[in-house]
Amino acid sequence: MDTKPAKFKLGQVVKHKLFFFRGIIFDVDPIFDNTDEWLERIPEERRPKKDQPFYHLLAENEDRSVYIAYVSQQNLEKDNSNEPFTHPSVKLIFNGNDEEGNFILKQSTN
C-alpha cells in the first residue's frame, strides 16, 4: 500500500476542516491504526481512506471542551488563530513554543 507523506509535524497547531475544533499534534500514525469499528462509525460519504497519516491531537472545541482526537490528514489544516490552549495535558507533553508558534515536545528523560 502506498502511503502519503505526513503534511503536519509534532507540536503543530491544526484545525478540523469540517468540525469546529482545533488541536496540537502529539503523535502521528503513517497509516490508519485504529479499529475498523471506529472507522465504520464515520458516515461512508465522509469516511477517510486508511492510506494516509492519522494524527493524535490534544483537542478543544469552541465550548472549551477538551479531549483527545484521532483525525485523518485530509481533514486537517494549519490553524493560524494564535488562540491560547486550555487543554490540561499541554504542559505535560509540551515545553513552550518555537518561533513559528508550534509547541515543543518535552524531551524524554529515559
PDB file of N, CA and C in Angstrom:
ATOM      1  N   MET A   1       0.852  -1.182   0.000  1.00  0.00           N
ATOM      2  CA  MET A   1       0.000   0.000   0.000  1.00  0.00           C
ATOM      3  C   MET A   1       0.892   1.238   0.000  1.00  0.00           C
ATOM      4  N   ASP A   2       0.678   2.121  -0.950  1.00  0.00           N
ATOM      5  CA  ASP A   2       1.399   3.389  -0.981  1.00  0.00           C
ATOM      6  C   ASP A   2       0.839   4.303   0.102  1.00  0.00           C
ATOM      7  N   THR A   3       1.726   4.995   0.777  1.00  0.00           N
ATOM      8  CA  THR A   3       1.275   5.917   1.817  1.00  0.00           C
ATOM      9  C   THR A   3       1.661   7.341   1.443  1.00  0.00           C
ATOM     10  N   LYS A   4       0.904   8.263   1.982  1.00  0.00           N
ATOM     11  CA  LYS A   4       1.167   9.685   1.736  1.00  0.00           C
ATOM     12  C   LYS A   4       2.128  10.205   2.808  1.00  0.00           C
ATOM     13  N   PRO A   5       3.001  11.143   2.461  1.00  0.00           N
ATOM     14  CA  PRO A   5       3.890  11.708   3.485  1.00  0.00           C
ATOM     15  C   PRO A   5       3.102  12.578   4.466  1.00  0.00           C
ATOM     16  N   ALA A   6       3.598  12.662   5.690  1.00  0.00           N
ATOM     17  CA  ALA A   6       2.958  13.494   6.707  1.00  0.00           C
ATOM     18  C   ALA A   6       3.097  14.967   6.328  1.00  0.00           C
ATOM     19  N   LYS A   7       1.985  15.669   6.332  1.00  0.00           N
ATOM     20  CA  LYS A   7       1.944  17.083   5.971  1.00  0.00           C
ATOM     21  C   LYS A   7       2.180  17.976   7.189  1.00  0.00           C
ATOM     22  N   PHE A   8       1.866  17.445   8.365  1.00  0.00           N
ATOM     23  CA  PHE A   8       1.977  18.205   9.606  1.00  0.00           C
ATOM     24  C   PHE A   8       3.004  17.561  10.514  1.00  0.00           C
ATOM     25  N   LYS A   9       3.517  18.343  11.492  1.00  0.00           N
ATOM     26  CA  LYS A   9       4.556  17.821  12.377  1.00  0.00           C
ATOM     27  C   LYS A   9       4.108  17.861  13.831  1.00  0.00           C
ATOM     28  N   LEU A  10       4.828  17.123  14.655  1.00  0.00           N
ATOM     29  CA  LEU A  10       4.537  17.105  16.086  1.00  0.00           C
ATOM     30  C   LEU A  10       4.643  18.521  16.644  1.00  0.00           C
ATOM     31  N   GLY A  11       3.669  18.886  17.468  1.00  0.00           N
ATOM     32  CA  GLY A  11       3.652  20.212  18.075  1.00  0.00           C
ATOM     33  C   GLY A  11       2.923  21.262  17.255  1.00  0.00           C
ATOM     34  N   GLN A  12       2.560  20.926  16.030  1.00  0.00           N
ATOM     35  CA  GLN A  12       1.883  21.906  15.173  1.00  0.00           C
ATOM     36  C   GLN A  12       0.423  22.049  15.583  1.00  0.00           C
ATOM     37  N   VAL A  13      -0.082  23.274  15.477  1.00  0.00           N
ATOM     38  CA  VAL A  13      -1.480  23.570  15.785  1.00  0.00           C
ATOM     39  C   VAL A  13      -2.287  23.457  14.496  1.00  0.00           C
ATOM     40  N   VAL A  14      -3.344  22.651  14.550  1.00  0.00           N
ATOM     41  CA  VAL A  14      -4.181  22.405  13.374  1.00  0.00           C
ATOM     42  C   VAL A  14      -5.644  22.559  13.748  1.00  0.00           C
ATOM     43  N   LYS A  15      -6.480  22.636  12.725  1.00  0.00           N
ATOM     44  CA  LYS A  15      -7.929  22.654  12.961  1.00  0.00           C
ATOM     45  C   LYS A  15      -8.590  21.696  11.989  1.00  0.00           C
ATOM     46  N   HIS A  16      -9.756  21.230  12.381  1.00  0.00           N
ATOM     47  CA  HIS A  16     -10.513  20.296  11.560  1.00  0.00           C
ATOM     48  C   HIS A  16     -11.230  21.082  10.464  1.00  0.00           C
ATOM     49  N   LYS A  17     -11.243  20.547   9.260  1.00  0.00           N
ATOM     50  CA  LYS A  17     -11.865  21.250   8.130  1.00  0.00           C
ATOM     51  C   LYS A  17     -13.390  21.222   8.185  1.00  0.00           C
ATOM     52  N   LEU A  18     -13.968  20.192   8.807  1.00  0.00           N
ATOM     53  CA  LEU A  18     -15.421  20.035   8.798  1.00  0.00           C
ATOM     54  C   LEU A  18     -16.082  20.382  10.126  1.00  0.00           C
ATOM     55  N   PHE A  19     -15.372  20.141  11.218  1.00  0.00           N
ATOM     56  CA  PHE A  19     -15.947  20.356  12.545  1.00  0.00           C
ATOM     57  C   PHE A  19     -15.176  21.461  13.257  1.00  0.00           C
ATOM     58  N   PHE A  20     -15.841  22.103  14.203  1.00  0.00           N
ATOM     59  CA  PHE A  20     -15.249  23.263  14.856  1.00  0.00           C
ATOM     60  C   PHE A  20     -14.406  22.860  16.064  1.00  0.00           C
ATOM     61  N   PHE A  21     -13.241  22.304  15.788  1.00  0.00           N
ATOM     62  CA  PHE A  21     -12.284  22.092  16.860  1.00  0.00           C
ATOM     63  C   PHE A  21     -10.881  22.218  16.313  1.00  0.00           C
ATOM     64  N   ARG A  22      -9.960  22.469  17.231  1.00  0.00           N
ATOM     65  CA  ARG A  22      -8.554  22.607  16.882  1.00  0.00           C
ATOM     66  C   ARG A  22      -7.742  21.782  17.848  1.00  0.00           C
ATOM     67  N   GLY A  23      -6.479  21.559  17.509  1.00  0.00           N
ATOM     68  CA  GLY A  23      -5.671  20.738  18.390  1.00  0.00           C
ATOM     69  C   GLY A  23      -4.190  20.885  18.125  1.00  0.00           C
ATOM     70  N   ILE A  24      -3.425  20.267  19.018  1.00  0.00           N
ATOM     71  CA  ILE A  24      -1.973  20.224  18.903  1.00  0.00           C
ATOM     72  C   ILE A  24      -1.590  18.772  18.649  1.00  0.00           C
ATOM     73  N   ILE A  25      -0.821  18.540  17.604  1.00  0.00           N
ATOM     74  CA  ILE A  25      -0.412  17.175  17.259  1.00  0.00           C
ATOM     75  C   ILE A  25       0.624  16.684  18.265  1.00  0.00           C
ATOM     76  N   PHE A  26       0.338  15.517  18.886  1.00  0.00           N
ATOM     77  CA  PHE A  26       1.321  14.942  19.804  1.00  0.00           C
ATOM     78  C   PHE A  26       1.796  13.566  19.364  1.00  0.00           C
ATOM     79  N   ASP A  27       1.187  13.014  18.314  1.00  0.00           N
ATOM     80  CA  ASP A  27       1.639  11.731  17.767  1.00  0.00           C
ATOM     81  C   ASP A  27       1.050  11.600  16.367  1.00  0.00           C
ATOM     82  N   VAL A  28       1.695  10.762  15.540  1.00  0.00           N
ATOM     83  CA  VAL A  28       1.208  10.544  14.177  1.00  0.00           C
ATOM     84  C   VAL A  28       1.398   9.080  13.812  1.00  0.00           C
ATOM     85  N   ASP A  29       0.396   8.525  13.156  1.00  0.00           N
ATOM     86  CA  ASP A  29       0.470   7.181  12.585  1.00  0.00           C
ATOM     87  C   ASP A  29       0.617   7.342  11.077  1.00  0.00           C
ATOM     88  N   PRO A  30       1.598   6.695  10.441  1.00  0.00           N
ATOM     89  CA  PRO A  30       1.790   6.847   8.992  1.00  0.00           C
ATOM     90  C   PRO A  30       0.566   6.408   8.176  1.00  0.00           C
ATOM     91  N   ILE A  31      -0.169   5.429   8.700  1.00  0.00           N
ATOM     92  CA  ILE A  31      -1.438   4.993   8.121  1.00  0.00           C
ATOM     93  C   ILE A  31      -2.406   4.737   9.270  1.00  0.00           C
ATOM     94  N   PHE A  32      -3.657   4.543   8.956  1.00  0.00           N
ATOM     95  CA  PHE A  32      -4.693   4.304   9.953  1.00  0.00           C
ATOM     96  C   PHE A  32      -4.284   3.179  10.898  1.00  0.00           C
ATOM     97  N   ASP A  33      -4.393   3.429  12.198  1.00  0.00           N
ATOM     98  CA  ASP A  33      -4.026   2.431  13.197  1.00  0.00           C
ATOM     99  C   ASP A  33      -5.032   2.469  14.343  1.00  0.00           C
ATOM    100  N   ASN A  34      -6.275   2.271  13.999  1.00  0.00           N
ATOM    101  CA  ASN A  34      -7.356   2.221  14.970  1.00  0.00           C
ATOM    102  C   ASN A  34      -8.240   1.049  14.564  1.00  0.00           C
ATOM    103  N   THR A  35      -9.348   0.855  15.233  1.00  0.00           N
ATOM    104  CA  THR A  35     -10.206  -0.290  14.924  1.00  0.00           C
ATOM    105  C   THR A  35     -11.102  -0.008  13.722  1.00  0.00           C
ATOM    106  N   ASP A  36     -11.489  -1.067  13.045  1.00  0.00           N
ATOM    107  CA  ASP A  36     -12.444  -0.925  11.941  1.00  0.00           C
ATOM    108  C   ASP A  36     -13.782  -0.411  12.461  1.00  0.00           C
ATOM    109  N   GLU A  37     -14.147  -0.789  13.676  1.00  0.00           N
ATOM    110  CA  GLU A  37     -15.398  -0.308  14.272  1.00  0.00           C
ATOM    111  C   GLU A  37     -15.364   1.211  14.412  1.00  0.00           C
ATOM    112  N   TRP A  38     -14.220   1.759  14.810  1.00  0.00           N
ATOM    113  CA  TRP A  38     -14.079   3.211  14.935  1.00  0.00           C
ATOM    114  C   TRP A  38     -14.302   3.873  13.579  1.00  0.00           C
ATOM    115  N   LEU A  39     -13.668   3.331  12.554  1.00  0.00           N
ATOM    116  CA  LEU A  39     -13.766   3.908  11.214  1.00  0.00           C
ATOM    117  C   LEU A  39     -15.185   3.785  10.653  1.00  0.00           C
ATOM    118  N   GLU A  40     -15.835   2.668  10.916  1.00  0.00           N
ATOM    119  CA  GLU A  40     -17.185   2.439  10.376  1.00  0.00           C
ATOM    120  C   GLU A  40     -18.250   3.321  11.022  1.00  0.00           C
ATOM    121  N   ARG A  41     -17.935   3.933  12.152  1.00  0.00           N
ATOM    122  CA  ARG A  41     -18.883   4.882  12.770  1.00  0.00           C
ATOM    123  C   ARG A  41     -18.950   6.195  12.004  1.00  0.00           C
ATOM    124  N   ILE A  42     -17.965   6.437  11.143  1.00  0.00           N
ATOM    125  CA  ILE A  42     -17.958   7.646  10.326  1.00  0.00           C
ATOM    126  C   ILE A  42     -18.839   7.384   9.104  1.00  0.00           C
ATOM    127  N   PRO A  43     -19.770   8.275   8.796  1.00  0.00           N
ATOM    128  CA  PRO A  43     -20.628   8.064   7.616  1.00  0.00           C
ATOM    129  C   PRO A  43     -19.778   7.807   6.361  1.00  0.00           C
ATOM    130  N   GLU A  44     -20.201   6.874   5.559  1.00  0.00           N
ATOM    131  CA  GLU A  44     -19.419   6.425   4.406  1.00  0.00           C
ATOM    132  C   GLU A  44     -18.985   7.573   3.486  1.00  0.00           C
ATOM    133  N   GLU A  45     -19.863   8.545   3.294  1.00  0.00           N
ATOM    134  CA  GLU A  45     -19.526   9.653   2.390  1.00  0.00           C
ATOM    135  C   GLU A  45     -18.415  10.550   2.946  1.00  0.00           C
ATOM    136  N   ARG A  46     -18.145  10.461   4.261  1.00  0.00           N
ATOM    137  CA  ARG A  46     -17.080  11.263   4.881  1.00  0.00           C
ATOM    138  C   ARG A  46     -15.934  10.401   5.420  1.00  0.00           C
ATOM    139  N   ARG A  47     -16.047   9.093   5.255  1.00  0.00           N
ATOM    140  CA  ARG A  47     -15.047   8.183   5.824  1.00  0.00           C
ATOM    141  C   ARG A  47     -13.706   8.349   5.119  1.00  0.00           C
ATOM    142  N   PRO A  48     -12.643   8.632   5.877  1.00  0.00           N
ATOM    143  CA  PRO A  48     -11.325   8.816   5.251  1.00  0.00           C
ATOM    144  C   PRO A  48     -10.709   7.482   4.832  1.00  0.00           C
ATOM    145  N   LYS A  49      -9.824   7.553   3.856  1.00  0.00           N
ATOM    146  CA  LYS A  49      -9.073   6.377   3.437  1.00  0.00           C
ATOM    147  C   LYS A  49      -8.016   6.071   4.487  1.00  0.00           C
ATOM    148  N   LYS A  50      -7.642   4.790   4.582  1.00  0.00           N
ATOM    149  CA  LYS A  50      -6.679   4.341   5.588  1.00  0.00           C
ATOM    150  C   LYS A  50      -5.231   4.636   5.213  1.00  0.00           C
ATOM    151  N   ASP A  51      -4.950   4.907   3.947  1.00  0.00           N
ATOM    152  CA  ASP A  51      -3.571   5.007   3.456  1.00  0.00           C
ATOM    153  C   ASP A  51      -2.982   6.408   3.567  1.00  0.00           C
ATOM    154  N   GLN A  52      -3.307   7.105   4.621  1.00  0.00           N
ATOM    155  CA  GLN A  52      -2.800   8.463   4.841  1.00  0.00           C
ATOM    156  C   GLN A  52      -2.444   8.606   6.315  1.00  0.00           C
ATOM    157  N   PRO A  53      -1.644   9.584   6.654  1.00  0.00           N
ATOM    158  CA  PRO A  53      -1.343   9.800   8.069  1.00  0.00           C
ATOM    159  C   PRO A  53      -2.596  10.146   8.876  1.00  0.00           C
ATOM    160  N   PHE A  54      -2.610   9.640  10.109  1.00  0.00           N
ATOM    161  CA  PHE A  54      -3.652   9.966  11.084  1.00  0.00           C
ATOM    162  C   PHE A  54      -2.947  10.565  12.292  1.00  0.00           C
ATOM    163  N   TYR A  55      -3.499  11.645  12.806  1.00  0.00           N
ATOM    164  CA  TYR A  55      -2.856  12.409  13.862  1.00  0.00           C
ATOM    165  C   TYR A  55      -3.618  12.296  15.181  1.00  0.00           C
ATOM    166  N   HIS A  56      -2.866  12.200  16.275  1.00  0.00           N
ATOM    167  CA  HIS A  56      -3.408  12.237  17.627  1.00  0.00           C
ATOM    168  C   HIS A  56      -3.290  13.689  18.089  1.00  0.00           C
ATOM    169  N   LEU A  57      -4.403  14.259  18.505  1.00  0.00           N
ATOM    170  CA  LEU A  57      -4.434  15.679  18.883  1.00  0.00           C
ATOM    171  C   LEU A  57      -4.899  15.886  20.316  1.00  0.00           C
ATOM    172  N   LEU A  58      -4.265  16.831  20.998  1.00  0.00           N
ATOM    173  CA  LEU A  58      -4.857  17.396  22.205  1.00  0.00           C
ATOM    174  C   LEU A  58      -5.846  18.414  21.655  1.00  0.00           C
ATOM    175  N   ALA A  59      -7.121  18.110  21.739  1.00  0.00           N
ATOM    176  CA  ALA A  59      -8.130  18.907  21.044  1.00  0.00           C
ATOM    177  C   ALA A  59      -9.022  19.671  22.003  1.00  0.00           C
ATOM    178  N   GLU A  60      -9.558  20.785  21.490  1.00  0.00           N
ATOM    179  CA  GLU A  60     -10.580  21.539  22.205  1.00  0.00           C
ATOM    180  C   GLU A  60     -11.492  22.216  21.186  1.00  0.00           C
ATOM    181  N   ASN A  61     -12.750  22.335  21.573  1.00  0.00           N
ATOM    182  CA  ASN A  61     -13.708  22.954  20.662  1.00  0.00           C
ATOM    183  C   ASN A  61     -14.051  24.363  21.141  1.00  0.00           C
ATOM    184  N   GLU A  62     -14.973  24.994  20.446  1.00  0.00           N
ATOM    185  CA  GLU A  62     -15.306  26.384  20.767  1.00  0.00           C
ATOM    186  C   GLU A  62     -15.941  26.541  22.148  1.00  0.00           C
ATOM    187  N   ASP A  63     -16.472  25.441  22.712  1.00  0.00           N
ATOM    188  CA  ASP A  63     -17.025  25.483  24.067  1.00  0.00           C
ATOM    189  C   ASP A  63     -15.951  25.235  25.121  1.00  0.00           C
ATOM    190  N   ARG A  64     -14.697  25.092  24.666  1.00  0.00           N
ATOM    191  CA  ARG A  64     -13.536  24.828  25.525  1.00  0.00           C
ATOM    192  C   ARG A  64     -13.574  23.426  26.139  1.00  0.00           C
ATOM    193  N   SER A  65     -14.365  22.522  25.545  1.00  0.00           N
ATOM    194  CA  SER A  65     -14.299  21.131  25.957  1.00  0.00           C
ATOM    195  C   SER A  65     -12.973  20.576  25.472  1.00  0.00           C
ATOM    196  N   VAL A  66     -12.307  19.780  26.301  1.00  0.00           N
ATOM    197  CA  VAL A  66     -11.007  19.240  25.934  1.00  0.00           C
ATOM    198  C   VAL A  66     -11.078  17.711  25.838  1.00  0.00           C
ATOM    199  N   TYR A  67     -10.357  17.158  24.877  1.00  0.00           N
ATOM    200  CA  TYR A  67     -10.381  15.719  24.639  1.00  0.00           C
ATOM    201  C   TYR A  67      -9.212  15.351  23.740  1.00  0.00           C
ATOM    202  N   ILE A  68      -9.069  14.062  23.477  1.00  0.00           N
ATOM    203  CA  ILE A  68      -8.078  13.549  22.540  1.00  0.00           C
ATOM    204  C   ILE A  68      -8.823  13.206  21.254  1.00  0.00           C
ATOM    205  N   ALA A  69      -8.303  13.647  20.120  1.00  0.00           N
ATOM    206  CA  ALA A  69      -8.933  13.354  18.828  1.00  0.00           C
ATOM    207  C   ALA A  69      -7.963  12.572  17.948  1.00  0.00           C
ATOM    208  N   TYR A  70      -8.517  11.756  17.068  1.00  0.00           N
ATOM    209  CA  TYR A  70      -7.751  10.980  16.087  1.00  0.00           C
ATOM    210  C   TYR A  70      -8.293  11.373  14.729  1.00  0.00           C
ATOM    211  N   VAL A  71      -7.484  12.065  13.920  1.00  0.00           N
ATOM    212  CA  VAL A  71      -8.001  12.701  12.709  1.00  0.00           C
ATOM    213  C   VAL A  71      -7.113  12.401  11.511  1.00  0.00           C
ATOM    214  N   SER A  72      -7.746  12.134  10.376  1.00  0.00           N
ATOM    215  CA  SER A  72      -7.009  11.888   9.133  1.00  0.00           C
ATOM    216  C   SER A  72      -6.417  13.181   8.597  1.00  0.00           C
ATOM    217  N   GLN A  73      -5.332  13.034   7.869  1.00  0.00           N
ATOM    218  CA  GLN A  73      -4.664  14.201   7.289  1.00  0.00           C
ATOM    219  C   GLN A  73      -5.598  15.007   6.390  1.00  0.00           C
ATOM    220  N   GLN A  74      -6.454  14.329   5.622  1.00  0.00           N
ATOM    221  CA  GLN A  74      -7.338  15.023   4.683  1.00  0.00           C
ATOM    222  C   GLN A  74      -8.301  15.975   5.380  1.00  0.00           C
ATOM    223  N   ASN A  75      -8.537  15.775   6.677  1.00  0.00           N
ATOM    224  CA  ASN A  75      -9.490  16.610   7.399  1.00  0.00           C
ATOM    225  C   ASN A  75      -8.846  17.694   8.249  1.00  0.00           C
ATOM    226  N   LEU A  76      -7.544  17.890   8.093  1.00  0.00           N
ATOM    227  CA  LEU A  76      -6.855  18.902   8.890  1.00  0.00           C
ATOM    228  C   LEU A  76      -6.265  20.001   8.026  1.00  0.00           C
ATOM    229  N   GLU A  77      -6.131  21.161   8.625  1.00  0.00           N
ATOM    230  CA  GLU A  77      -5.417  22.273   8.017  1.00  0.00           C
ATOM    231  C   GLU A  77      -4.742  23.057   9.135  1.00  0.00           C
ATOM    232  N   LYS A  78      -3.736  23.824   8.781  1.00  0.00           N
ATOM    233  CA  LYS A  78      -2.995  24.606   9.766  1.00  0.00           C
ATOM    234  C   LYS A  78      -3.926  25.634  10.409  1.00  0.00           C
ATOM    235  N   ASP A  79      -3.761  25.817  11.726  1.00  0.00           N
ATOM    236  CA  ASP A  79      -4.543  26.815  12.448  1.00  0.00           C
ATOM    237  C   ASP A  79      -3.648  28.017  12.734  1.00  0.00           C
ATOM    238  N   ASN A  80      -4.046  29.180  12.282  1.00  0.00           N
ATOM    239  CA  ASN A  80      -3.262  30.402  12.473  1.00  0.00           C
ATOM    240  C   ASN A  80      -3.921  31.379  13.443  1.00  0.00           C
ATOM    241  N   SER A  81      -4.847  30.890  14.254  1.00  0.00           N
ATOM    242  CA  SER A  81      -5.623  31.796  15.109  1.00  0.00           C
ATOM    243  C   SER A  81      -4.819  32.377  16.277  1.00  0.00           C
ATOM    244  N   ASN A  82      -3.749  31.723  16.682  1.00  0.00           N
ATOM    245  CA  ASN A  82      -2.947  32.143  17.842  1.00  0.00           C
ATOM    246  C   ASN A  82      -3.748  32.202  19.146  1.00  0.00           C
ATOM    247  N   GLU A  83      -4.883  31.515  19.176  1.00  0.00           N
ATOM    248  CA  GLU A  83      -5.675  31.441  20.401  1.00  0.00           C
ATOM    249  C   GLU A  83      -4.947  30.548  21.403  1.00  0.00           C
ATOM    250  N   PRO A  84      -5.019  30.860  22.696  1.00  0.00           N
ATOM    251  CA  PRO A  84      -4.364  30.004  23.694  1.00  0.00           C
ATOM    252  C   PRO A  84      -5.103  28.667  23.840  1.00  0.00           C
ATOM    253  N   PHE A  85      -4.383  27.664  24.312  1.00  0.00           N
ATOM    254  CA  PHE A  85      -4.983  26.354  24.567  1.00  0.00           C
ATOM    255  C   PHE A  85      -5.237  26.193  26.054  1.00  0.00           C
ATOM    256  N   THR A  86      -6.376  25.580  26.393  1.00  0.00           N
ATOM    257  CA  THR A  86      -6.715  25.337  27.790  1.00  0.00           C
ATOM    258  C   THR A  86      -6.606  23.857  28.145  1.00  0.00           C
ATOM    259  N   HIS A  87      -6.252  23.019  27.184  1.00  0.00           N
ATOM    260  CA  HIS A  87      -6.165  21.580  27.432  1.00  0.00           C
ATOM    261  C   HIS A  87      -5.158  21.336  28.561  1.00  0.00           C
ATOM    262  N   PRO A  88      -5.571  20.610  29.614  1.00  0.00           N
ATOM    263  CA  PRO A  88      -4.678  20.419  30.762  1.00  0.00           C
ATOM    264  C   PRO A  88      -3.424  19.594  30.451  1.00  0.00           C
ATOM    265  N   SER A  89      -3.414  18.817  29.393  1.00  0.00           N
ATOM    266  CA  SER A  89      -2.252  17.981  29.074  1.00  0.00           C
ATOM    267  C   SER A  89      -1.159  18.721  28.309  1.00  0.00           C
ATOM    268  N   VAL A  90      -1.428  19.935  27.855  1.00  0.00           N
ATOM    269  CA  VAL A  90      -0.424  20.684  27.085  1.00  0.00           C
ATOM    270  C   VAL A  90       0.881  20.788  27.871  1.00  0.00           C
ATOM    271  N   LYS A  91       0.796  21.168  29.147  1.00  0.00           N
ATOM    272  CA  LYS A  91       2.009  21.364  29.952  1.00  0.00           C
ATOM    273  C   LYS A  91       2.695  20.051  30.311  1.00  0.00           C
ATOM    274  N   LEU A  92       1.977  18.936  30.205  1.00  0.00           N
ATOM    275  CA  LEU A  92       2.578  17.629  30.479  1.00  0.00           C
ATOM    276  C   LEU A  92       3.403  17.122  29.298  1.00  0.00           C
ATOM    277  N   ILE A  93       3.001  17.480  28.084  1.00  0.00           N
ATOM    278  CA  ILE A  93       3.629  16.953  26.872  1.00  0.00           C
ATOM    279  C   ILE A  93       4.568  17.953  26.213  1.00  0.00           C
ATOM    280  N   PHE A  94       4.239  19.239  26.321  1.00  0.00           N
ATOM    281  CA  PHE A  94       4.996  20.270  25.612  1.00  0.00           C
ATOM    282  C   PHE A  94       5.684  21.226  26.576  1.00  0.00           C
ATOM    283  N   ASN A  95       6.732  21.871  26.056  1.00  0.00           N
ATOM    284  CA  ASN A  95       7.522  22.795  26.859  1.00  0.00           C
ATOM    285  C   ASN A  95       7.699  24.106  26.083  1.00  0.00           C
ATOM    286  N   GLY A  96       6.657  24.921  26.047  1.00  0.00           N
ATOM    287  CA  GLY A  96       6.741  26.203  25.360  1.00  0.00           C
ATOM    288  C   GLY A  96       6.518  26.093  23.862  1.00  0.00           C
ATOM    289  N   ASN A  97       6.838  27.188  23.157  1.00  0.00           N
ATOM    290  CA  ASN A  97       6.617  27.284  21.715  1.00  0.00           C
ATOM    291  C   ASN A  97       7.896  27.694  21.005  1.00  0.00           C
ATOM    292  N   ASP A  98       7.988  27.333  19.715  1.00  0.00           N
ATOM    293  CA  ASP A  98       9.106  27.804  18.902  1.00  0.00           C
ATOM    294  C   ASP A  98       8.719  29.131  18.249  1.00  0.00           C
ATOM    295  N   GLU A  99       9.606  29.663  17.414  1.00  0.00           N
ATOM    296  CA  GLU A  99       9.365  30.983  16.803  1.00  0.00           C
ATOM    297  C   GLU A  99       8.196  30.983  15.822  1.00  0.00           C
ATOM    298  N   GLU A 100       7.771  29.802  15.354  1.00  0.00           N
ATOM    299  CA  GLU A 100       6.632  29.711  14.431  1.00  0.00           C
ATOM    300  C   GLU A 100       5.316  29.467  15.154  1.00  0.00           C
ATOM    301  N   GLY A 101       5.355  29.368  16.485  1.00  0.00           N
ATOM    302  CA  GLY A 101       4.140  29.128  17.250  1.00  0.00           C
ATOM    303  C   GLY A 101       3.827  27.668  17.479  1.00  0.00           C
ATOM    304  N   ASN A 102       4.673  26.754  16.987  1.00  0.00           N
ATOM    305  CA  ASN A 102       4.479  25.332  17.233  1.00  0.00           C
ATOM    306  C   ASN A 102       4.913  25.006  18.652  1.00  0.00           C
ATOM    307  N   PHE A 103       4.296  24.003  19.235  1.00  0.00           N
ATOM    308  CA  PHE A 103       4.654  23.582  20.576  1.00  0.00           C
ATOM    309  C   PHE A 103       5.877  22.674  20.510  1.00  0.00           C
ATOM    310  N   ILE A 104       6.717  22.742  21.532  1.00  0.00           N
ATOM    311  CA  ILE A 104       7.963  21.962  21.576  1.00  0.00           C
ATOM    312  C   ILE A 104       7.747  20.780  22.525  1.00  0.00           C
ATOM    313  N   LEU A 105       7.940  19.563  22.004  1.00  0.00           N
ATOM    314  CA  LEU A 105       7.797  18.367  22.814  1.00  0.00           C
ATOM    315  C   LEU A 105       8.837  18.344  23.921  1.00  0.00           C
ATOM    316  N   LYS A 106       8.408  17.940  25.102  1.00  0.00           N
ATOM    317  CA  LYS A 106       9.360  17.769  26.190  1.00  0.00           C
ATOM    318  C   LYS A 106      10.256  16.585  25.846  1.00  0.00           C
ATOM    319  N   GLN A 107      11.508  16.667  26.220  1.00  0.00           N
ATOM    320  CA  GLN A 107      12.456  15.582  25.973  1.00  0.00           C
ATOM    321  C   GLN A 107      12.254  14.488  27.011  1.00  0.00           C
ATOM    322  N   SER A 108      12.335  13.261  26.562  1.00  0.00           N
ATOM    323  CA  SER A 108      12.235  12.117  27.457  1.00  0.00           C
ATOM    324  C   SER A 108      13.482  12.047  28.323  1.00  0.00           C
ATOM    325  N   THR A 109      13.309  11.654  29.564  1.00  0.00           N
ATOM    326  CA  THR A 109      14.443  11.534  30.475  1.00  0.00           C
ATOM    327  C   THR A 109      14.932  10.096  30.579  1.00  0.00           C
ATOM    328  N   ASN A 110      14.446   9.218  29.726  1.00  0.00           N
ATOM    329  CA  ASN A 110      14.853   7.793  29.764  1.00  0.00           C
ATOM    330  C   ASN A 110      16.204   7.623  29.142  1.00  0.00           C
TER     331      ASN A 110
END
